[in-house]
Amino acid sequence: MKPEHKSTAIHSLLFQKLLEVGTIQKIEKGAEILREGQFVKLIPFVRKGLIKVFTRYEDRELLLYYIQPEESCIMSFSAGFNNEPSQVYAVAEEDTEVLLLPLRELRSLTNSYPDINRFFFQQYKGRYAELLNTIHHVLFDKIDVRLYQHLKEKSALKKENPLRMSHQQIADELGTVREVISRAIKKLEREALVKQLGNSIKILK
């Protein structure tokens, strides 16, 4: 399970200022928001929904973290401020509403409003902890342990149980192959931790 973290809240007056310079946009589930190699001009601030941030190597993917409501993407922020191409992909995990902040406006606001700097610093701390946790799981945990923790986390984030997910989708998020996930799910079923229900997986404990 990735560590929980609390973002530094942006107070209402500052959020109103962000609304003045940003644009509200609704993004459909599955839509790509950011791709590797893209130069960032807009920084997303999630108001509703969920965004998945992942990396890809050849035909493999690995989930890095989720962006929840009242959070932003520190990888986009870093790439944008350093004028570097993105090293990650971002996709809407579900129908999502974001406040898109133009980089040039955000640069100006960070000089005038220290709370914005504190907010992104807190985001950085949280993401860094999550990435260390992901590395720990990849290096030291067996795939069934990683799978079980991943399903529990995703169920909590999406507030869904059972989860409607294919074995291939899970494999993509954990950076492995479908056959490995299918075997791991069968093992978790024997241990009475999950149950396969058609195209969905129910977490039992």
N, C-alpha and C. Protein backbone atom coordinates (compact mmCIF):
# COMPACT_ATOMS: atom_id res chain seq x y z
N MET A 1 0.84 -1.20 0.00
CA MET A 1 0.00 0.00 0.00
C MET A 1 0.87 1.24 0.00
N LYS A 2 0.56 2.14 -0.88
CA LYS A 2 1.31 3.39 -0.91
C LYS A 2 0.97 4.21 0.32
N PRO A 3 1.91 4.97 0.87
CA PRO A 3 1.65 5.76 2.06
C PRO A 3 0.64 6.86 1.78
N GLU A 4 -0.23 7.09 2.75
CA GLU A 4 -1.18 8.20 2.61
C GLU A 4 -0.45 9.50 2.90
N HIS A 5 -0.90 10.57 2.25
CA HIS A 5 -0.31 11.87 2.53
C HIS A 5 -1.38 12.93 2.40
N LYS A 6 -1.20 13.97 3.14
CA LYS A 6 -2.15 15.08 3.13
C LYS A 6 -1.53 16.26 2.42
N SER A 7 -2.22 16.78 1.44
CA SER A 7 -1.71 17.93 0.71
C SER A 7 -1.95 19.19 1.52
N THR A 8 -1.05 20.14 1.37
CA THR A 8 -1.28 21.45 1.96
C THR A 8 -2.42 22.11 1.19
N ALA A 9 -3.49 22.43 1.88
CA ALA A 9 -4.66 22.99 1.21
C ALA A 9 -4.37 24.40 0.70
N ILE A 10 -4.90 24.72 -0.45
CA ILE A 10 -4.83 26.07 -0.97
C ILE A 10 -6.05 26.82 -0.45
N HIS A 11 -5.84 27.88 0.31
CA HIS A 11 -6.98 28.56 0.93
C HIS A 11 -7.89 29.19 -0.13
N SER A 12 -9.11 29.49 0.27
CA SER A 12 -10.16 29.88 -0.68
C SER A 12 -9.83 31.13 -1.47
N LEU A 13 -9.20 32.13 -0.85
CA LEU A 13 -8.88 33.37 -1.56
C LEU A 13 -7.86 33.12 -2.66
N LEU A 14 -6.86 32.29 -2.35
CA LEU A 14 -5.86 31.97 -3.35
C LEU A 14 -6.46 31.12 -4.46
N PHE A 15 -7.37 30.20 -4.08
CA PHE A 15 -8.00 29.37 -5.10
C PHE A 15 -8.82 30.23 -6.06
N GLN A 16 -9.45 31.28 -5.54
CA GLN A 16 -10.19 32.20 -6.41
C GLN A 16 -9.26 32.87 -7.40
N LYS A 17 -8.05 33.18 -6.95
CA LYS A 17 -7.06 33.78 -7.85
C LYS A 17 -6.67 32.79 -8.94
N LEU A 18 -6.51 31.52 -8.56
CA LEU A 18 -6.18 30.49 -9.55
C LEU A 18 -7.30 30.33 -10.57
N LEU A 19 -8.53 30.45 -10.10
CA LEU A 19 -9.68 30.36 -11.01
C LEU A 19 -9.67 31.49 -12.03
N GLU A 20 -9.15 32.65 -11.62
CA GLU A 20 -9.11 33.80 -12.53
C GLU A 20 -8.14 33.57 -13.68
N VAL A 21 -7.07 32.85 -13.44
CA VAL A 21 -6.05 32.67 -14.48
C VAL A 21 -6.16 31.31 -15.18
N GLY A 22 -6.88 30.38 -14.55
CA GLY A 22 -6.99 29.04 -15.11
C GLY A 22 -8.29 28.80 -15.85
N THR A 23 -8.42 27.60 -16.39
CA THR A 23 -9.60 27.20 -17.14
C THR A 23 -10.10 25.86 -16.64
N ILE A 24 -11.39 25.78 -16.34
CA ILE A 24 -11.99 24.52 -15.91
C ILE A 24 -12.24 23.65 -17.15
N GLN A 25 -11.83 22.40 -17.08
CA GLN A 25 -12.05 21.50 -18.21
C GLN A 25 -12.46 20.13 -17.70
N LYS A 26 -13.42 19.53 -18.38
CA LYS A 26 -13.85 18.17 -18.04
C LYS A 26 -13.16 17.20 -18.99
N ILE A 27 -12.62 16.13 -18.42
CA ILE A 27 -11.86 15.15 -19.18
C ILE A 27 -12.53 13.79 -19.04
N GLU A 28 -12.81 13.16 -20.16
CA GLU A 28 -13.49 11.87 -20.13
C GLU A 28 -12.55 10.76 -19.69
N LYS A 29 -13.12 9.75 -19.07
CA LYS A 29 -12.37 8.58 -18.65
C LYS A 29 -11.59 8.00 -19.83
N GLY A 30 -10.32 7.71 -19.58
CA GLY A 30 -9.47 7.11 -20.60
C GLY A 30 -8.73 8.10 -21.48
N ALA A 31 -9.08 9.39 -21.38
CA ALA A 31 -8.42 10.39 -22.23
C ALA A 31 -6.99 10.66 -21.74
N GLU A 32 -6.07 10.78 -22.70
CA GLU A 32 -4.68 11.08 -22.37
C GLU A 32 -4.53 12.57 -22.09
N ILE A 33 -3.91 12.88 -20.98
CA ILE A 33 -3.72 14.27 -20.57
C ILE A 33 -2.30 14.73 -20.85
N LEU A 34 -1.37 13.82 -20.67
CA LEU A 34 0.05 14.14 -20.85
C LEU A 34 0.75 12.91 -21.40
N ARG A 35 1.69 13.12 -22.31
CA ARG A 35 2.46 11.99 -22.84
C ARG A 35 3.95 12.26 -22.69
N GLU A 36 4.72 11.19 -22.72
CA GLU A 36 6.16 11.30 -22.60
C GLU A 36 6.72 12.11 -23.78
N GLY A 37 7.64 13.03 -23.48
CA GLY A 37 8.26 13.85 -24.51
C GLY A 37 7.53 15.15 -24.78
N GLN A 38 6.35 15.32 -24.20
CA GLN A 38 5.56 16.54 -24.42
C GLN A 38 6.08 17.65 -23.52
N PHE A 39 6.16 18.87 -24.06
CA PHE A 39 6.53 20.02 -23.23
C PHE A 39 5.27 20.56 -22.56
N VAL A 40 5.37 20.80 -21.28
CA VAL A 40 4.21 21.16 -20.46
C VAL A 40 3.96 22.66 -20.51
N LYS A 41 2.76 23.05 -20.87
CA LYS A 41 2.36 24.46 -20.87
C LYS A 41 1.23 24.74 -19.87
N LEU A 42 0.54 23.66 -19.47
CA LEU A 42 -0.59 23.79 -18.54
C LEU A 42 -0.39 22.82 -17.38
N ILE A 43 -0.56 23.29 -16.16
CA ILE A 43 -0.43 22.45 -14.97
C ILE A 43 -1.84 22.10 -14.47
N PRO A 44 -2.17 20.80 -14.35
CA PRO A 44 -3.52 20.43 -13.91
C PRO A 44 -3.66 20.43 -12.39
N PHE A 45 -4.79 20.92 -11.93
CA PHE A 45 -5.18 20.85 -10.52
C PHE A 45 -6.52 20.11 -10.51
N VAL A 46 -6.55 18.93 -9.92
CA VAL A 46 -7.76 18.10 -9.97
C VAL A 46 -8.82 18.61 -9.00
N ARG A 47 -10.03 18.81 -9.51
CA ARG A 47 -11.15 19.21 -8.67
C ARG A 47 -12.05 18.02 -8.37
N LYS A 48 -12.30 17.19 -9.37
CA LYS A 48 -13.10 15.98 -9.19
C LYS A 48 -12.48 14.89 -10.04
N GLY A 49 -12.64 13.63 -9.59
CA GLY A 49 -12.17 12.52 -10.40
C GLY A 49 -10.81 12.00 -9.97
N LEU A 50 -10.11 11.37 -10.91
CA LEU A 50 -8.85 10.70 -10.60
C LEU A 50 -8.00 10.60 -11.87
N ILE A 51 -6.72 10.90 -11.74
CA ILE A 51 -5.78 10.81 -12.86
C ILE A 51 -4.68 9.81 -12.52
N LYS A 52 -4.36 8.97 -13.48
CA LYS A 52 -3.30 7.97 -13.30
C LYS A 52 -2.03 8.46 -13.99
N VAL A 53 -0.92 8.45 -13.27
CA VAL A 53 0.37 8.85 -13.82
C VAL A 53 1.26 7.61 -13.87
N PHE A 54 1.83 7.34 -15.05
CA PHE A 54 2.63 6.13 -15.20
C PHE A 54 3.78 6.37 -16.16
N THR A 55 4.72 5.44 -16.13
CA THR A 55 5.84 5.46 -17.06
C THR A 55 5.74 4.24 -17.97
N ARG A 56 6.40 4.30 -19.11
CA ARG A 56 6.32 3.21 -20.09
C ARG A 56 7.71 2.94 -20.66
N TYR A 57 8.02 1.64 -20.78
CA TYR A 57 9.28 1.24 -21.41
C TYR A 57 8.96 0.10 -22.37
N GLU A 58 9.20 0.36 -23.66
CA GLU A 58 8.84 -0.59 -24.71
C GLU A 58 7.36 -0.93 -24.59
N ASP A 59 7.00 -2.20 -24.31
CA ASP A 59 5.59 -2.55 -24.23
C ASP A 59 5.10 -2.70 -22.79
N ARG A 60 5.90 -2.23 -21.83
CA ARG A 60 5.54 -2.35 -20.41
C ARG A 60 5.22 -0.98 -19.82
N GLU A 61 4.27 -0.98 -18.89
CA GLU A 61 3.93 0.23 -18.15
C GLU A 61 4.12 -0.03 -16.66
N LEU A 62 4.27 1.04 -15.90
CA LEU A 62 4.34 0.94 -14.45
C LEU A 62 3.64 2.14 -13.84
N LEU A 63 2.63 1.87 -13.04
CA LEU A 63 1.90 2.94 -12.35
C LEU A 63 2.81 3.61 -11.33
N LEU A 64 2.86 4.95 -11.36
CA LEU A 64 3.66 5.70 -10.41
C LEU A 64 2.82 6.23 -9.25
N TYR A 65 1.72 6.89 -9.58
CA TYR A 65 0.83 7.40 -8.53
C TYR A 65 -0.47 7.89 -9.15
N TYR A 66 -1.44 8.18 -8.30
CA TYR A 66 -2.70 8.77 -8.72
C TYR A 66 -2.75 10.22 -8.25
N ILE A 67 -3.42 11.07 -9.03
CA ILE A 67 -3.68 12.45 -8.62
C ILE A 67 -5.14 12.52 -8.22
N GLN A 68 -5.39 12.80 -6.96
CA GLN A 68 -6.73 12.85 -6.41
C GLN A 68 -7.23 14.30 -6.35
N PRO A 69 -8.51 14.50 -6.01
CA PRO A 69 -9.02 15.86 -5.87
C PRO A 69 -8.20 16.69 -4.90
N GLU A 70 -7.99 17.96 -5.24
CA GLU A 70 -7.20 18.92 -4.49
C GLU A 70 -5.71 18.61 -4.55
N GLU A 71 -5.31 17.85 -5.57
CA GLU A 71 -3.90 17.58 -5.80
C GLU A 71 -3.52 18.00 -7.21
N SER A 72 -2.21 18.10 -7.46
CA SER A 72 -1.72 18.42 -8.79
C SER A 72 -0.63 17.43 -9.16
N CYS A 73 -0.08 17.59 -10.36
CA CYS A 73 0.95 16.66 -10.85
C CYS A 73 2.32 17.31 -10.72
N ILE A 74 3.10 16.83 -9.76
CA ILE A 74 4.40 17.43 -9.51
C ILE A 74 5.35 17.19 -10.67
N MET A 75 5.15 16.08 -11.41
CA MET A 75 6.01 15.80 -12.56
C MET A 75 5.77 16.83 -13.67
N SER A 76 4.51 17.22 -13.85
CA SER A 76 4.18 18.27 -14.83
C SER A 76 4.76 19.61 -14.38
N PHE A 77 4.60 19.89 -13.10
CA PHE A 77 5.10 21.14 -12.52
C PHE A 77 6.62 21.24 -12.71
N SER A 78 7.33 20.16 -12.41
CA SER A 78 8.78 20.16 -12.52
C SER A 78 9.22 20.30 -13.98
N ALA A 79 8.59 19.52 -14.88
CA ALA A 79 8.97 19.59 -16.29
C ALA A 79 8.69 20.97 -16.86
N GLY A 80 7.53 21.53 -16.50
CA GLY A 80 7.16 22.84 -17.02
C GLY A 80 8.10 23.94 -16.55
N PHE A 81 8.40 23.96 -15.26
CA PHE A 81 9.24 25.02 -14.72
C PHE A 81 10.68 24.92 -15.21
N ASN A 82 11.12 23.71 -15.55
CA ASN A 82 12.48 23.52 -16.04
C ASN A 82 12.56 23.48 -17.56
N ASN A 83 11.40 23.70 -18.20
CA ASN A 83 11.32 23.67 -19.66
C ASN A 83 11.91 22.38 -20.22
N GLU A 84 11.52 21.26 -19.63
CA GLU A 84 11.98 19.95 -20.05
C GLU A 84 10.79 19.11 -20.52
N PRO A 85 11.02 18.16 -21.41
CA PRO A 85 9.92 17.30 -21.85
C PRO A 85 9.47 16.38 -20.73
N SER A 86 8.21 16.05 -20.72
CA SER A 86 7.67 15.16 -19.70
C SER A 86 8.30 13.77 -19.79
N GLN A 87 8.52 13.16 -18.65
CA GLN A 87 9.04 11.80 -18.60
C GLN A 87 7.95 10.79 -18.25
N VAL A 88 6.72 11.25 -18.13
CA VAL A 88 5.62 10.37 -17.72
C VAL A 88 4.41 10.57 -18.63
N TYR A 89 3.46 9.66 -18.48
CA TYR A 89 2.16 9.76 -19.12
C TYR A 89 1.12 10.01 -18.04
N ALA A 90 0.03 10.68 -18.41
CA ALA A 90 -1.08 10.87 -17.48
C ALA A 90 -2.39 10.64 -18.23
N VAL A 91 -3.26 9.83 -17.65
CA VAL A 91 -4.54 9.46 -18.26
C VAL A 91 -5.64 9.59 -17.21
N ALA A 92 -6.82 10.03 -17.62
CA ALA A 92 -7.95 10.13 -16.70
C ALA A 92 -8.43 8.72 -16.34
N GLU A 93 -8.34 8.37 -15.08
CA GLU A 93 -8.78 7.06 -14.62
C GLU A 93 -10.30 6.97 -14.61
N GLU A 94 -10.94 8.10 -14.43
CA GLU A 94 -12.40 8.21 -14.49
C GLU A 94 -12.74 9.61 -14.98
N ASP A 95 -14.02 9.87 -15.24
CA ASP A 95 -14.40 11.22 -15.65
C ASP A 95 -13.88 12.22 -14.63
N THR A 96 -13.16 13.21 -15.10
CA THR A 96 -12.41 14.09 -14.21
C THR A 96 -12.60 15.56 -14.59
N GLU A 97 -12.62 16.41 -13.58
CA GLU A 97 -12.68 17.85 -13.80
C GLU A 97 -11.40 18.47 -13.25
N VAL A 98 -10.72 19.23 -14.10
CA VAL A 98 -9.45 19.83 -13.68
C VAL A 98 -9.48 21.34 -13.91
N LEU A 99 -8.67 22.01 -13.13
CA LEU A 99 -8.38 23.43 -13.35
C LEU A 99 -7.01 23.48 -14.01
N LEU A 100 -6.97 23.92 -15.27
CA LEU A 100 -5.72 23.98 -16.01
C LEU A 100 -5.09 25.36 -15.82
N LEU A 101 -3.88 25.36 -15.26
CA LEU A 101 -3.20 26.61 -14.94
C LEU A 101 -2.07 26.86 -15.93
N PRO A 102 -2.15 27.96 -16.69
CA PRO A 102 -1.06 28.29 -17.63
C PRO A 102 0.26 28.47 -16.89
N LEU A 103 1.30 27.88 -17.42
CA LEU A 103 2.60 27.90 -16.75
C LEU A 103 3.09 29.32 -16.53
N ARG A 104 2.89 30.18 -17.51
CA ARG A 104 3.40 31.55 -17.37
C ARG A 104 2.71 32.29 -16.22
N GLU A 105 1.40 32.01 -16.02
CA GLU A 105 0.68 32.64 -14.92
C GLU A 105 1.11 32.05 -13.59
N LEU A 106 1.34 30.74 -13.57
CA LEU A 106 1.73 30.09 -12.33
C LEU A 106 3.11 30.55 -11.88
N ARG A 107 4.00 30.79 -12.84
CA ARG A 107 5.32 31.31 -12.50
C ARG A 107 5.20 32.64 -11.75
N SER A 108 4.33 33.50 -12.26
CA SER A 108 4.15 34.80 -11.63
C SER A 108 3.53 34.67 -10.25
N LEU A 109 2.56 33.77 -10.12
CA LEU A 109 1.86 33.62 -8.84
C LEU A 109 2.76 33.05 -7.75
N THR A 110 3.69 32.17 -8.13
CA THR A 110 4.57 31.59 -7.11
C THR A 110 5.46 32.66 -6.46
N ASN A 111 5.71 33.73 -7.18
CA ASN A 111 6.49 34.82 -6.59
C ASN A 111 5.68 35.66 -5.63
N SER A 112 4.37 35.73 -5.86
CA SER A 112 3.51 36.59 -5.05
C SER A 112 2.81 35.84 -3.92
N TYR A 113 2.64 34.53 -4.09
CA TYR A 113 1.88 33.75 -3.10
C TYR A 113 2.71 32.56 -2.61
N PRO A 114 3.36 32.69 -1.45
CA PRO A 114 4.17 31.59 -0.90
C PRO A 114 3.39 30.30 -0.70
N ASP A 115 2.07 30.41 -0.50
CA ASP A 115 1.27 29.20 -0.28
C ASP A 115 1.33 28.25 -1.48
N ILE A 116 1.49 28.81 -2.67
CA ILE A 116 1.59 27.95 -3.85
C ILE A 116 2.87 27.13 -3.80
N ASN A 117 3.96 27.77 -3.41
CA ASN A 117 5.23 27.04 -3.27
C ASN A 117 5.12 25.96 -2.21
N ARG A 118 4.46 26.28 -1.09
CA ARG A 118 4.30 25.29 -0.02
C ARG A 118 3.46 24.12 -0.49
N PHE A 119 2.41 24.43 -1.27
CA PHE A 119 1.54 23.39 -1.79
C PHE A 119 2.32 22.41 -2.67
N PHE A 120 3.09 22.91 -3.62
CA PHE A 120 3.82 22.02 -4.51
C PHE A 120 4.98 21.32 -3.80
N PHE A 121 5.56 21.96 -2.80
CA PHE A 121 6.60 21.29 -2.02
C PHE A 121 6.00 20.09 -1.28
N GLN A 122 4.80 20.28 -0.73
CA GLN A 122 4.13 19.17 -0.04
C GLN A 122 3.77 18.06 -1.03
N GLN A 123 3.36 18.46 -2.23
CA GLN A 123 3.07 17.47 -3.26
C GLN A 123 4.34 16.67 -3.58
N TYR A 124 5.45 17.35 -3.69
CA TYR A 124 6.71 16.68 -3.99
C TYR A 124 7.07 15.67 -2.90
N LYS A 125 6.92 16.04 -1.65
CA LYS A 125 7.23 15.14 -0.54
C LYS A 125 6.37 13.89 -0.62
N GLY A 126 5.08 14.08 -0.89
CA GLY A 126 4.17 12.95 -0.96
C GLY A 126 4.50 12.01 -2.11
N ARG A 127 4.77 12.59 -3.28
CA ARG A 127 5.09 11.76 -4.45
C ARG A 127 6.41 11.02 -4.26
N TYR A 128 7.38 11.69 -3.66
CA TYR A 128 8.68 11.06 -3.43
C TYR A 128 8.52 9.84 -2.52
N ALA A 129 7.70 9.99 -1.48
CA ALA A 129 7.45 8.86 -0.58
C ALA A 129 6.75 7.72 -1.32
N GLU A 130 5.80 8.07 -2.19
CA GLU A 130 5.09 7.05 -2.94
C GLU A 130 6.02 6.30 -3.90
N LEU A 131 6.90 7.04 -4.57
CA LEU A 131 7.82 6.40 -5.51
C LEU A 131 8.80 5.48 -4.79
N LEU A 132 9.28 5.88 -3.62
CA LEU A 132 10.15 5.00 -2.83
C LEU A 132 9.40 3.74 -2.43
N ASN A 133 8.13 3.90 -2.08
CA ASN A 133 7.31 2.76 -1.69
C ASN A 133 7.11 1.81 -2.87
N THR A 134 6.88 2.39 -4.06
CA THR A 134 6.71 1.58 -5.26
C THR A 134 7.98 0.79 -5.55
N ILE A 135 9.14 1.44 -5.46
CA ILE A 135 10.41 0.75 -5.69
C ILE A 135 10.59 -0.39 -4.69
N HIS A 136 10.24 -0.14 -3.44
CA HIS A 136 10.35 -1.18 -2.40
C HIS A 136 9.51 -2.39 -2.78
N HIS A 137 8.26 -2.16 -3.19
CA HIS A 137 7.38 -3.27 -3.55
C HIS A 137 7.91 -4.03 -4.76
N VAL A 138 8.40 -3.30 -5.77
CA VAL A 138 8.90 -3.94 -6.99
C VAL A 138 10.11 -4.82 -6.68
N LEU A 139 10.99 -4.34 -5.80
CA LEU A 139 12.22 -5.06 -5.52
C LEU A 139 12.05 -6.20 -4.53
N PHE A 140 11.17 -6.02 -3.54
CA PHE A 140 11.16 -6.96 -2.42
C PHE A 140 9.88 -7.77 -2.24
N ASP A 141 8.78 -7.33 -2.81
CA ASP A 141 7.52 -8.05 -2.59
C ASP A 141 7.23 -9.02 -3.73
N LYS A 142 6.65 -10.15 -3.41
CA LYS A 142 6.18 -11.08 -4.43
C LYS A 142 4.99 -10.45 -5.14
N ILE A 143 4.72 -10.92 -6.36
CA ILE A 143 3.69 -10.29 -7.18
C ILE A 143 2.31 -10.39 -6.55
N ASP A 144 2.01 -11.48 -5.82
CA ASP A 144 0.69 -11.59 -5.20
C ASP A 144 0.50 -10.55 -4.11
N VAL A 145 1.57 -10.23 -3.39
CA VAL A 145 1.49 -9.19 -2.35
C VAL A 145 1.29 -7.82 -3.00
N ARG A 146 2.05 -7.54 -4.05
CA ARG A 146 1.90 -6.28 -4.77
C ARG A 146 0.49 -6.14 -5.34
N LEU A 147 0.00 -7.23 -5.92
CA LEU A 147 -1.32 -7.22 -6.53
C LEU A 147 -2.41 -6.94 -5.49
N TYR A 148 -2.35 -7.63 -4.37
CA TYR A 148 -3.36 -7.45 -3.33
C TYR A 148 -3.37 -6.02 -2.80
N GLN A 149 -2.19 -5.48 -2.53
CA GLN A 149 -2.12 -4.11 -2.02
C GLN A 149 -2.60 -3.12 -3.08
N HIS A 150 -2.28 -3.38 -4.33
CA HIS A 150 -2.72 -2.50 -5.42
C HIS A 150 -4.24 -2.50 -5.53
N LEU A 151 -4.85 -3.66 -5.46
CA LEU A 151 -6.31 -3.76 -5.55
C LEU A 151 -6.98 -3.04 -4.38
N LYS A 152 -6.44 -3.21 -3.19
CA LYS A 152 -7.01 -2.54 -2.01
C LYS A 152 -6.91 -1.02 -2.15
N GLU A 153 -5.76 -0.55 -2.61
CA GLU A 153 -5.58 0.90 -2.76
C GLU A 153 -6.54 1.46 -3.82
N LYS A 154 -6.63 0.76 -4.94
CA LYS A 154 -7.48 1.25 -6.02
C LYS A 154 -8.94 1.22 -5.62
N SER A 155 -9.35 0.19 -4.89
CA SER A 155 -10.73 0.10 -4.41
C SER A 155 -11.05 1.28 -3.50
N ALA A 156 -10.10 1.63 -2.63
CA ALA A 156 -10.32 2.76 -1.71
C ALA A 156 -10.38 4.08 -2.46
N LEU A 157 -9.49 4.26 -3.44
CA LEU A 157 -9.47 5.51 -4.20
C LEU A 157 -10.74 5.71 -5.01
N LYS A 158 -11.19 4.65 -5.67
CA LYS A 158 -12.35 4.74 -6.54
C LYS A 158 -13.66 4.51 -5.80
N LYS A 159 -13.53 4.08 -4.52
CA LYS A 159 -14.72 3.77 -3.70
C LYS A 159 -15.59 2.73 -4.42
N GLU A 160 -14.93 1.70 -4.93
CA GLU A 160 -15.61 0.62 -5.64
C GLU A 160 -15.14 -0.73 -5.12
N ASN A 161 -16.08 -1.62 -4.91
CA ASN A 161 -15.76 -3.01 -4.57
C ASN A 161 -17.02 -3.84 -4.86
N PRO A 162 -17.00 -4.63 -5.93
CA PRO A 162 -15.84 -5.07 -6.70
C PRO A 162 -15.32 -4.03 -7.69
N LEU A 163 -14.06 -4.24 -8.10
CA LEU A 163 -13.41 -3.41 -9.11
C LEU A 163 -13.60 -4.03 -10.48
N ARG A 164 -14.03 -3.22 -11.43
CA ARG A 164 -14.15 -3.70 -12.80
C ARG A 164 -12.83 -3.45 -13.51
N MET A 165 -11.99 -4.49 -13.57
CA MET A 165 -10.66 -4.37 -14.18
C MET A 165 -10.31 -5.69 -14.85
N SER A 166 -9.72 -5.61 -16.02
CA SER A 166 -9.24 -6.81 -16.70
C SER A 166 -7.87 -7.18 -16.15
N HIS A 167 -7.49 -8.45 -16.34
CA HIS A 167 -6.17 -8.89 -15.92
C HIS A 167 -5.09 -8.13 -16.68
N GLN A 168 -5.36 -7.79 -17.94
CA GLN A 168 -4.38 -7.05 -18.73
C GLN A 168 -4.18 -5.65 -18.18
N GLN A 169 -5.27 -5.00 -17.78
CA GLN A 169 -5.16 -3.65 -17.22
C GLN A 169 -4.33 -3.67 -15.94
N ILE A 170 -4.58 -4.65 -15.10
CA ILE A 170 -3.81 -4.76 -13.85
C ILE A 170 -2.34 -5.00 -14.16
N ALA A 171 -2.09 -5.89 -15.14
CA ALA A 171 -0.71 -6.19 -15.52
C ALA A 171 0.00 -4.94 -16.00
N ASP A 172 -0.69 -4.12 -16.80
CA ASP A 172 -0.09 -2.87 -17.29
C ASP A 172 0.29 -1.96 -16.14
N GLU A 173 -0.58 -1.85 -15.15
CA GLU A 173 -0.32 -0.94 -14.04
C GLU A 173 0.81 -1.43 -13.14
N LEU A 174 1.00 -2.73 -13.08
CA LEU A 174 2.04 -3.28 -12.20
C LEU A 174 3.32 -3.62 -12.96
N GLY A 175 3.33 -3.34 -14.26
CA GLY A 175 4.55 -3.55 -15.03
C GLY A 175 4.90 -5.00 -15.26
N THR A 176 3.87 -5.85 -15.43
CA THR A 176 4.12 -7.27 -15.67
C THR A 176 3.24 -7.75 -16.83
N VAL A 177 2.99 -9.05 -16.91
CA VAL A 177 2.21 -9.58 -18.02
C VAL A 177 0.94 -10.24 -17.48
N ARG A 178 -0.04 -10.38 -18.36
CA ARG A 178 -1.37 -10.87 -17.95
C ARG A 178 -1.30 -12.25 -17.30
N GLU A 179 -0.48 -13.15 -17.84
CA GLU A 179 -0.43 -14.51 -17.30
C GLU A 179 0.02 -14.53 -15.84
N VAL A 180 0.96 -13.64 -15.51
CA VAL A 180 1.44 -13.55 -14.13
C VAL A 180 0.32 -13.08 -13.21
N ILE A 181 -0.45 -12.09 -13.66
CA ILE A 181 -1.56 -11.58 -12.85
C ILE A 181 -2.64 -12.64 -12.67
N SER A 182 -2.96 -13.38 -13.72
CA SER A 182 -3.98 -14.42 -13.63
C SER A 182 -3.59 -15.47 -12.59
N ARG A 183 -2.32 -15.87 -12.57
CA ARG A 183 -1.86 -16.85 -11.57
C ARG A 183 -1.92 -16.26 -10.17
N ALA A 184 -1.55 -14.99 -10.03
CA ALA A 184 -1.56 -14.35 -8.72
C ALA A 184 -2.98 -14.21 -8.17
N ILE A 185 -3.93 -13.89 -9.05
CA ILE A 185 -5.32 -13.77 -8.61
C ILE A 185 -5.85 -15.13 -8.12
N LYS A 186 -5.50 -16.18 -8.83
CA LYS A 186 -5.92 -17.51 -8.39
C LYS A 186 -5.34 -17.83 -7.01
N LYS A 187 -4.10 -17.43 -6.76
CA LYS A 187 -3.49 -17.66 -5.45
C LYS A 187 -4.23 -16.86 -4.38
N LEU A 188 -4.57 -15.60 -4.67
CA LEU A 188 -5.29 -14.78 -3.71
C LEU A 188 -6.70 -15.33 -3.46
N GLU A 189 -7.30 -15.93 -4.49
CA GLU A 189 -8.61 -16.55 -4.31
C GLU A 189 -8.51 -17.75 -3.37
N ARG A 190 -7.47 -18.56 -3.52
CA ARG A 190 -7.29 -19.71 -2.64
C ARG A 190 -7.08 -19.27 -1.19
N GLU A 191 -6.51 -18.09 -1.01
CA GLU A 191 -6.29 -17.55 0.33
C GLU A 191 -7.49 -16.76 0.84
N ALA A 192 -8.56 -16.75 0.04
CA ALA A 192 -9.82 -16.07 0.41
C ALA A 192 -9.63 -14.57 0.63
N LEU A 193 -8.73 -13.95 -0.16
CA LEU A 193 -8.50 -12.51 -0.07
C LEU A 193 -9.28 -11.76 -1.14
N VAL A 194 -9.48 -12.39 -2.29
CA VAL A 194 -10.24 -11.77 -3.37
C VAL A 194 -11.12 -12.84 -4.02
N LYS A 195 -12.06 -12.38 -4.84
CA LYS A 195 -12.90 -13.31 -5.60
C LYS A 195 -13.15 -12.73 -6.98
N GLN A 196 -12.91 -13.55 -8.01
CA GLN A 196 -13.16 -13.11 -9.39
C GLN A 196 -14.64 -13.24 -9.68
N LEU A 197 -15.26 -12.15 -10.14
CA LEU A 197 -16.68 -12.13 -10.46
C LEU A 197 -16.83 -11.67 -11.90
N GLY A 198 -16.73 -12.60 -12.85
CA GLY A 198 -16.79 -12.21 -14.26
C GLY A 198 -15.65 -11.30 -14.62
N ASN A 199 -15.97 -10.06 -15.03
CA ASN A 199 -14.93 -9.08 -15.38
C ASN A 199 -14.55 -8.18 -14.22
N SER A 200 -14.96 -8.55 -13.01
CA SER A 200 -14.67 -7.74 -11.82
C SER A 200 -13.96 -8.58 -10.77
N ILE A 201 -13.32 -7.88 -9.84
CA ILE A 201 -12.60 -8.54 -8.74
C ILE A 201 -13.08 -7.93 -7.44
N LYS A 202 -13.56 -8.78 -6.54
CA LYS A 202 -14.03 -8.31 -5.23
C LYS A 202 -12.98 -8.56 -4.18
N ILE A 203 -12.65 -7.52 -3.40
CA ILE A 203 -11.69 -7.66 -2.30
C ILE A 203 -12.48 -8.13 -1.08
N LEU A 204 -12.08 -9.26 -0.52
CA LEU A 204 -12.83 -9.86 0.58
C LEU A 204 -12.33 -9.45 1.95
N LYS A 205 -11.08 -9.06 2.06
CA LYS A 205 -10.52 -8.67 3.36
C LYS A 205 -9.72 -7.39 3.22
